[in-house]
PDB file of N, CA and C in Angstrom:
ATOM      1  N   MET A   1    -131.561-149.029-142.494  1.00  0.00           N
ATOM      2  CA  MET A   1    -132.968-149.314-142.178  1.00  0.00           C
ATOM      3  C   MET A   1    -133.801-148.393-143.076  1.00  0.00           C
ATOM      4  N   PRO A   2    -134.692-148.914-143.853  1.00  0.00           N
ATOM      5  CA  PRO A   2    -135.540-148.095-144.678  1.00  0.00           C
ATOM      6  C   PRO A   2    -136.688-147.426-143.897  1.00  0.00           C
ATOM      7  N   ALA A   3    -137.374-146.529-144.589  1.00  0.00           N
ATOM      8  CA  ALA A   3    -138.620-145.924-144.022  1.00  0.00           C
ATOM      9  C   ALA A   3    -139.716-146.806-144.549  1.00  0.00           C
ATOM     10  N   THR A   4    -140.878-146.709-143.948  1.00  0.00           N
ATOM     11  CA  THR A   4    -142.079-147.456-144.358  1.00  0.00           C
ATOM     12  C   THR A   4    -143.219-146.572-144.627  1.00  0.00           C
ATOM     13  N   VAL A   5    -143.930-146.834-145.724  1.00  0.00           N
ATOM     14  CA  VAL A   5    -145.142-146.105-146.087  1.00  0.00           C
ATOM     15  C   VAL A   5    -146.300-147.110-145.975  1.00  0.00           C
ATOM     16  N   THR A   6    -147.378-146.732-145.268  1.00  0.00           N
ATOM     17  CA  THR A   6    -148.520-147.593-145.118  1.00  0.00           C
ATOM     18  C   THR A   6    -149.746-146.933-145.709  1.00  0.00           C
ATOM     19  N   LEU A   7    -150.481-147.708-146.523  1.00  0.00           N
ATOM     20  CA  LEU A   7    -151.711-147.226-147.136  1.00  0.00           C
ATOM     21  C   LEU A   7    -152.703-148.448-147.140  1.00  0.00           C
ATOM     22  N   ARG A   8    -153.851-148.265-146.569  1.00  0.00           N
ATOM     23  CA  ARG A   8    -154.863-149.254-146.586  1.00  0.00           C
ATOM     24  C   ARG A   8    -154.394-150.635-146.081  1.00  0.00           C
ATOM     25  N   ASN A   9    -153.707-150.605-144.941  1.00  0.00           N
ATOM     26  CA  ASN A   9    -153.172-151.807-144.358  1.00  0.00           C
ATOM     27  C   ASN A   9    -152.090-152.541-145.155  1.00  0.00           C
ATOM     28  N   GLN A  10    -151.487-151.849-146.140  1.00  0.00           N
ATOM     29  CA  GLN A  10    -150.383-152.381-146.918  1.00  0.00           C
ATOM     30  C   GLN A  10    -149.193-151.544-146.617  1.00  0.00           C
ATOM     31  N   SER A  11    -148.105-152.226-146.279  1.00  0.00           N
ATOM     32  CA  SER A  11    -146.856-151.455-146.007  1.00  0.00           C
ATOM     33  C   SER A  11    -145.825-151.676-147.087  1.00  0.00           C
ATOM     34  N   TYR A  12    -145.084-150.603-147.437  1.00  0.00           N
ATOM     35  CA  TYR A  12    -144.095-150.585-148.461  1.00  0.00           C
ATOM     36  C   TYR A  12    -142.809-149.968-147.869  1.00  0.00           C
ATOM     37  N   GLU A  13    -141.667-150.614-148.119  1.00  0.00           N
ATOM     38  CA  GLU A  13    -140.463-150.020-147.703  1.00  0.00           C
ATOM     39  C   GLU A  13    -139.964-149.106-148.765  1.00  0.00           C
ATOM     40  N   VAL A  14    -139.476-147.960-148.337  1.00  0.00           N
ATOM     41  CA  VAL A  14    -138.968-146.909-149.213  1.00  0.00           C
ATOM     42  C   VAL A  14    -137.632-146.452-148.701  1.00  0.00           C
ATOM     43  N   ARG A  15    -136.817-145.864-149.614  1.00  0.00           N
ATOM     44  CA  ARG A  15    -135.539-145.306-149.204  1.00  0.00           C
ATOM     45  C   ARG A  15    -135.661-144.115-148.331  1.00  0.00           C
ATOM     46  N   HIS A  16    -134.837-144.076-147.327  1.00  0.00           N
ATOM     47  CA  HIS A  16    -134.783-142.860-146.448  1.00  0.00           C
ATOM     48  C   HIS A  16    -133.816-141.854-147.056  1.00  0.00           C
ATOM     49  N   GLY A  17    -133.876-140.598-146.593  1.00  0.00           N
ATOM     50  CA  GLY A  17    -132.965-139.606-147.097  1.00  0.00           C
ATOM     51  C   GLY A  17    -133.450-138.823-148.339  1.00  0.00           C
ATOM     52  N   CYS A  18    -134.709-139.188-148.755  1.00  0.00           N
ATOM     53  CA  CYS A  18    -135.318-138.504-149.875  1.00  0.00           C
ATOM     54  C   CYS A  18    -136.672-137.988-149.395  1.00  0.00           C
ATOM     55  N   THR A  19    -137.272-137.113-150.201  1.00  0.00           N
ATOM     56  CA  THR A  19    -138.626-136.614-149.842  1.00  0.00           C
ATOM     57  C   THR A  19    -139.676-137.672-149.973  1.00  0.00           C
ATOM     58  N   LEU A  20    -140.804-137.436-149.323  1.00  0.00           N
ATOM     59  CA  LEU A  20    -141.931-138.353-149.446  1.00  0.00           C
ATOM     60  C   LEU A  20    -142.351-138.463-150.900  1.00  0.00           C
ATOM     61  N   ARG A  21    -142.408-137.298-151.622  1.00  0.00           N
ATOM     62  CA  ARG A  21    -142.825-137.276-153.004  1.00  0.00           C
ATOM     63  C   ARG A  21    -141.876-138.164-153.808  1.00  0.00           C
ATOM     64  N   MET A  22    -140.567-138.073-153.636  1.00  0.00           N
ATOM     65  CA  MET A  22    -139.602-138.853-154.377  1.00  0.00           C
ATOM     66  C   MET A  22    -139.716-140.325-154.056  1.00  0.00           C
ATOM     67  N   ALA A  23    -139.945-140.640-152.770  1.00  0.00           N
ATOM     68  CA  ALA A  23    -140.083-142.079-152.364  1.00  0.00           C
ATOM     69  C   ALA A  23    -141.323-142.682-153.049  1.00  0.00           C
ATOM     70  N   LEU A  24    -142.429-142.001-153.088  1.00  0.00           N
ATOM     71  CA  LEU A  24    -143.611-142.485-153.752  1.00  0.00           C
ATOM     72  C   LEU A  24    -143.416-142.608-155.243  1.00  0.00           C
ATOM     73  N   LYS A  25    -142.658-141.713-155.832  1.00  0.00           N
ATOM     74  CA  LYS A  25    -142.384-141.799-157.272  1.00  0.00           C
ATOM     75  C   LYS A  25    -141.566-143.061-157.544  1.00  0.00           C
ATOM     76  N   LYS A  26    -140.539-143.326-156.695  1.00  0.00           N
ATOM     77  CA  LYS A  26    -139.734-144.508-156.860  1.00  0.00           C
ATOM     78  C   LYS A  26    -140.605-145.799-156.659  1.00  0.00           C
ATOM     79  N   LEU A  27    -141.496-145.733-155.708  1.00  0.00           N
ATOM     80  CA  LEU A  27    -142.386-146.898-155.469  1.00  0.00           C
ATOM     81  C   LEU A  27    -143.261-147.199-156.682  1.00  0.00           C
ATOM     82  N   ALA A  28    -143.691-146.130-157.318  1.00  0.00           N
ATOM     83  CA  ALA A  28    -144.531-146.263-158.587  1.00  0.00           C
ATOM     84  C   ALA A  28    -143.652-146.924-159.668  1.00  0.00           C
ATOM     85  N   GLU A  29    -142.454-146.476-159.784  1.00  0.00           N
ATOM     86  CA  GLU A  29    -141.543-146.950-160.866  1.00  0.00           C
ATOM     87  C   GLU A  29    -141.177-148.406-160.658  1.00  0.00           C
ATOM     88  N   LYS A  30    -140.872-148.793-159.450  1.00  0.00           N
ATOM     89  CA  LYS A  30    -140.381-150.142-159.052  1.00  0.00           C
ATOM     90  C   LYS A  30    -141.500-151.172-158.956  1.00  0.00           C
ATOM     91  N   GLN A  31    -142.628-150.736-158.323  1.00  0.00           N
ATOM     92  CA  GLN A  31    -143.674-151.714-158.023  1.00  0.00           C
ATOM     93  C   GLN A  31    -145.031-151.447-158.690  1.00  0.00           C
ATOM     94  N   GLY A  32    -145.069-150.309-159.435  1.00  0.00           N
ATOM     95  CA  GLY A  32    -146.319-149.967-160.131  1.00  0.00           C
ATOM     96  C   GLY A  32    -147.473-149.509-159.221  1.00  0.00           C
ATOM     97  N   ILE A  33    -147.052-149.048-158.022  1.00  0.00           N
ATOM     98  CA  ILE A  33    -148.061-148.562-157.048  1.00  0.00           C
ATOM     99  C   ILE A  33    -148.075-147.065-157.141  1.00  0.00           C
ATOM    100  N   ILE A  34    -149.216-146.575-157.638  1.00  0.00           N
ATOM    101  CA  ILE A  34    -149.308-145.105-157.838  1.00  0.00           C
ATOM    102  C   ILE A  34    -150.178-144.532-156.731  1.00  0.00           C
ATOM    103  N   ILE A  35    -149.664-143.556-156.007  1.00  0.00           N
ATOM    104  CA  ILE A  35    -150.357-142.921-154.919  1.00  0.00           C
ATOM    105  C   ILE A  35    -150.394-141.406-155.236  1.00  0.00           C
ATOM    106  N   ASP A  36    -151.550-140.895-155.473  1.00  0.00           N
ATOM    107  CA  ASP A  36    -151.711-139.465-155.747  1.00  0.00           C
ATOM    108  C   ASP A  36    -151.718-138.729-154.412  1.00  0.00           C
ATOM    109  N   LEU A  37    -150.735-137.855-154.214  1.00  0.00           N
ATOM    110  CA  LEU A  37    -150.629-137.143-152.923  1.00  0.00           C
ATOM    111  C   LEU A  37    -151.809-136.167-152.757  1.00  0.00           C
ATOM    112  N   GLY A  38    -152.526-135.869-153.793  1.00  0.00           N
ATOM    113  CA  GLY A  38    -153.679-135.021-153.687  1.00  0.00           C
ATOM    114  C   GLY A  38    -154.867-135.641-153.068  1.00  0.00           C
ATOM    115  N   THR A  39    -154.805-137.025-152.931  1.00  0.00           N
ATOM    116  CA  THR A  39    -155.952-137.747-152.396  1.00  0.00           C
ATOM    117  C   THR A  39    -155.692-138.402-151.015  1.00  0.00           C
ATOM    118  N   VAL A  40    -154.545-138.085-150.454  1.00  0.00           N
ATOM    119  CA  VAL A  40    -154.179-138.665-149.167  1.00  0.00           C
ATOM    120  C   VAL A  40    -153.561-137.612-148.239  1.00  0.00           C
ATOM    121  N   LEU A  41    -153.652-137.848-146.937  1.00  0.00           N
ATOM    122  CA  LEU A  41    -152.887-137.042-145.991  1.00  0.00           C
ATOM    123  C   LEU A  41    -151.792-137.962-145.414  1.00  0.00           C
ATOM    124  N   ALA A  42    -150.625-137.393-145.352  1.00  0.00           N
ATOM    125  CA  ALA A  42    -149.501-138.179-144.834  1.00  0.00           C
ATOM    126  C   ALA A  42    -149.267-137.812-143.405  1.00  0.00           C
ATOM    127  N   THR A  43    -149.069-138.804-142.476  1.00  0.00           N
ATOM    128  CA  THR A  43    -148.751-138.575-141.126  1.00  0.00           C
ATOM    129  C   THR A  43    -147.566-139.409-140.681  1.00  0.00           C
ATOM    130  N   ARG A  44    -146.801-138.841-139.775  1.00  0.00           N
ATOM    131  CA  ARG A  44    -145.676-139.498-139.146  1.00  0.00           C
ATOM    132  C   ARG A  44    -145.764-139.233-137.631  1.00  0.00           C
ATOM    133  N   ASP A  45    -145.766-140.268-136.919  1.00  0.00           N
ATOM    134  CA  ASP A  45    -145.927-140.127-135.400  1.00  0.00           C
ATOM    135  C   ASP A  45    -147.105-139.281-135.063  1.00  0.00           C
ATOM    136  N   GLY A  46    -148.216-139.458-135.793  1.00  0.00           N
ATOM    137  CA  GLY A  46    -149.501-138.770-135.518  1.00  0.00           C
ATOM    138  C   GLY A  46    -149.530-137.341-135.968  1.00  0.00           C
ATOM    139  N   GLU A  47    -148.490-136.806-136.632  1.00  0.00           N
ATOM    140  CA  GLU A  47    -148.468-135.464-137.088  1.00  0.00           C
ATOM    141  C   GLU A  47    -148.437-135.431-138.617  1.00  0.00           C
ATOM    142  N   MET A  48    -149.177-134.502-139.170  1.00  0.00           N
ATOM    143  CA  MET A  48    -149.268-134.341-140.618  1.00  0.00           C
ATOM    144  C   MET A  48    -147.877-133.859-141.127  1.00  0.00           C
ATOM    145  N   ILE A  49    -147.461-134.421-142.299  1.00  0.00           N
ATOM    146  CA  ILE A  49    -146.276-133.980-142.970  1.00  0.00           C
ATOM    147  C   ILE A  49    -146.579-133.619-144.407  1.00  0.00           C
ATOM    148  N   THR A  50    -145.689-132.860-145.045  1.00  0.00           N
ATOM    149  CA  THR A  50    -145.905-132.533-146.429  1.00  0.00           C
ATOM    150  C   THR A  50    -145.099-133.436-147.331  1.00  0.00           C
ATOM    151  N   GLU A  51    -145.352-133.329-148.612  1.00  0.00           N
ATOM    152  CA  GLU A  51    -144.694-134.229-149.611  1.00  0.00           C
ATOM    153  C   GLU A  51    -143.223-133.859-149.716  1.00  0.00           C
ATOM    154  N   ASP A  52    -142.792-132.701-149.198  1.00  0.00           N
ATOM    155  CA  ASP A  52    -141.413-132.274-149.250  1.00  0.00           C
ATOM    156  C   ASP A  52    -140.600-132.711-148.018  1.00  0.00           C
ATOM    157  N   GLU A  53    -141.247-133.451-147.165  1.00  0.00           N
ATOM    158  CA  GLU A  53    -140.630-133.851-145.887  1.00  0.00           C
ATOM    159  C   GLU A  53    -139.567-134.929-146.203  1.00  0.00           C
ATOM    160  N   ILE A  54    -138.406-134.771-145.622  1.00  0.00           N
ATOM    161  CA  ILE A  54    -137.304-135.757-145.811  1.00  0.00           C
ATOM    162  C   ILE A  54    -137.591-136.941-144.893  1.00  0.00           C
ATOM    163  N   LEU A  55    -137.609-138.180-145.458  1.00  0.00           N
ATOM    164  CA  LEU A  55    -137.778-139.389-144.682  1.00  0.00           C
ATOM    165  C   LEU A  55    -136.519-139.793-144.018  1.00  0.00           C
ATOM    166  N   LYS A  56    -136.610-140.230-142.764  1.00  0.00           N
ATOM    167  CA  LYS A  56    -135.445-140.716-142.004  1.00  0.00           C
ATOM    168  C   LYS A  56    -135.534-142.187-141.843  1.00  0.00           C
ATOM    169  N   ALA A  57    -134.439-142.851-141.597  1.00  0.00           N
ATOM    170  CA  ALA A  57    -134.389-144.318-141.362  1.00  0.00           C
ATOM    171  C   ALA A  57    -135.354-144.655-140.237  1.00  0.00           C
ATOM    172  N   GLY A  58    -136.200-145.637-140.437  1.00  0.00           N
ATOM    173  CA  GLY A  58    -137.090-146.085-139.440  1.00  0.00           C
ATOM    174  C   GLY A  58    -138.438-145.382-139.362  1.00  0.00           C
ATOM    175  N   ASP A  59    -138.616-144.311-140.142  1.00  0.00           N
ATOM    176  CA  ASP A  59    -139.852-143.563-140.181  1.00  0.00           C
ATOM    177  C   ASP A  59    -140.985-144.464-140.603  1.00  0.00           C
ATOM    178  N   VAL A  60    -142.114-144.266-140.044  1.00  0.00           N
ATOM    179  CA  VAL A  60    -143.369-144.975-140.506  1.00  0.00           C
ATOM    180  C   VAL A  60    -144.361-143.875-140.846  1.00  0.00           C
ATOM    181  N   VAL A  61    -144.605-143.741-142.143  1.00  0.00           N
ATOM    182  CA  VAL A  61    -145.553-142.774-142.637  1.00  0.00           C
ATOM    183  C   VAL A  61    -146.860-143.455-143.040  1.00  0.00           C
ATOM    184  N   LYS A  62    -147.919-142.960-142.455  1.00  0.00           N
ATOM    185  CA  LYS A  62    -149.268-143.492-142.737  1.00  0.00           C
ATOM    186  C   LYS A  62    -149.983-142.508-143.721  1.00  0.00           C
ATOM    187  N   LEU A  63    -150.472-143.096-144.834  1.00  0.00           N
ATOM    188  CA  LEU A  63    -151.198-142.318-145.773  1.00  0.00           C
ATOM    189  C   LEU A  63    -152.672-142.586-145.560  1.00  0.00           C
ATOM    190  N   ILE A  64    -153.436-141.528-145.316  1.00  0.00           N
ATOM    191  CA  ILE A  64    -154.850-141.621-145.015  1.00  0.00           C
ATOM    192  C   ILE A  64    -155.642-141.096-146.184  1.00  0.00           C
ATOM    193  N   SER A  65    -156.487-141.876-146.742  1.00  0.00           N
ATOM    194  CA  SER A  65    -157.295-141.480-147.875  1.00  0.00           C
ATOM    195  C   SER A  65    -158.261-140.363-147.486  1.00  0.00           C
ATOM    196  N   VAL A  66    -158.312-139.314-148.301  1.00  0.00           N
ATOM    197  CA  VAL A  66    -159.244-138.227-148.061  1.00  0.00           C
ATOM    198  C   VAL A  66    -160.553-138.538-148.756  1.00  0.00           C
ATOM    199  N   ILE A  67    -161.581-138.301-148.018  1.00  0.00           N
ATOM    200  CA  ILE A  67    -162.915-138.573-148.543  1.00  0.00           C
ATOM    201  C   ILE A  67    -163.655-137.251-148.710  1.00  0.00           C
ATOM    202  N   SER A  68    -164.191-137.010-149.870  1.00  0.00           N
ATOM    203  CA  SER A  68    -164.927-135.779-150.051  1.00  0.00           C
ATOM    204  C   SER A  68    -166.233-136.066-150.724  1.00  0.00           C
ATOM    205  N   GLY A  69    -167.151-135.267-150.559  1.00  0.00           N
ATOM    206  CA  GLY A  69    -168.502-135.492-151.206  1.00  0.00           C
ATOM    207  C   GLY A  69    -169.207-134.190-151.438  1.00  0.00           C
ATOM    208  N   GLY A  70    -170.308-134.273-152.054  1.00  0.00           N
ATOM    209  CA  GLY A  70    -171.049-133.032-152.269  1.00  0.00           C
ATOM    210  C   GLY A  70    -172.485-133.198-152.242  1.00  0.00           C
TER     211      GLY A  70
END
């Protein structure tokens, strides 16, 4: 069972057993979807996780866009 990454109501299956950073890199290579970790917050089960977090089978990671202004 893969892990799932969700961004803007779009869900993508990614391989479990690797870091979030590596999973997003593979997603970019395979599907051309580029997600800059500096512009999103990653959450799993309502708790923030880092890009070095190892994804487990069945994980659902939500990426929330960070809004900044000045």
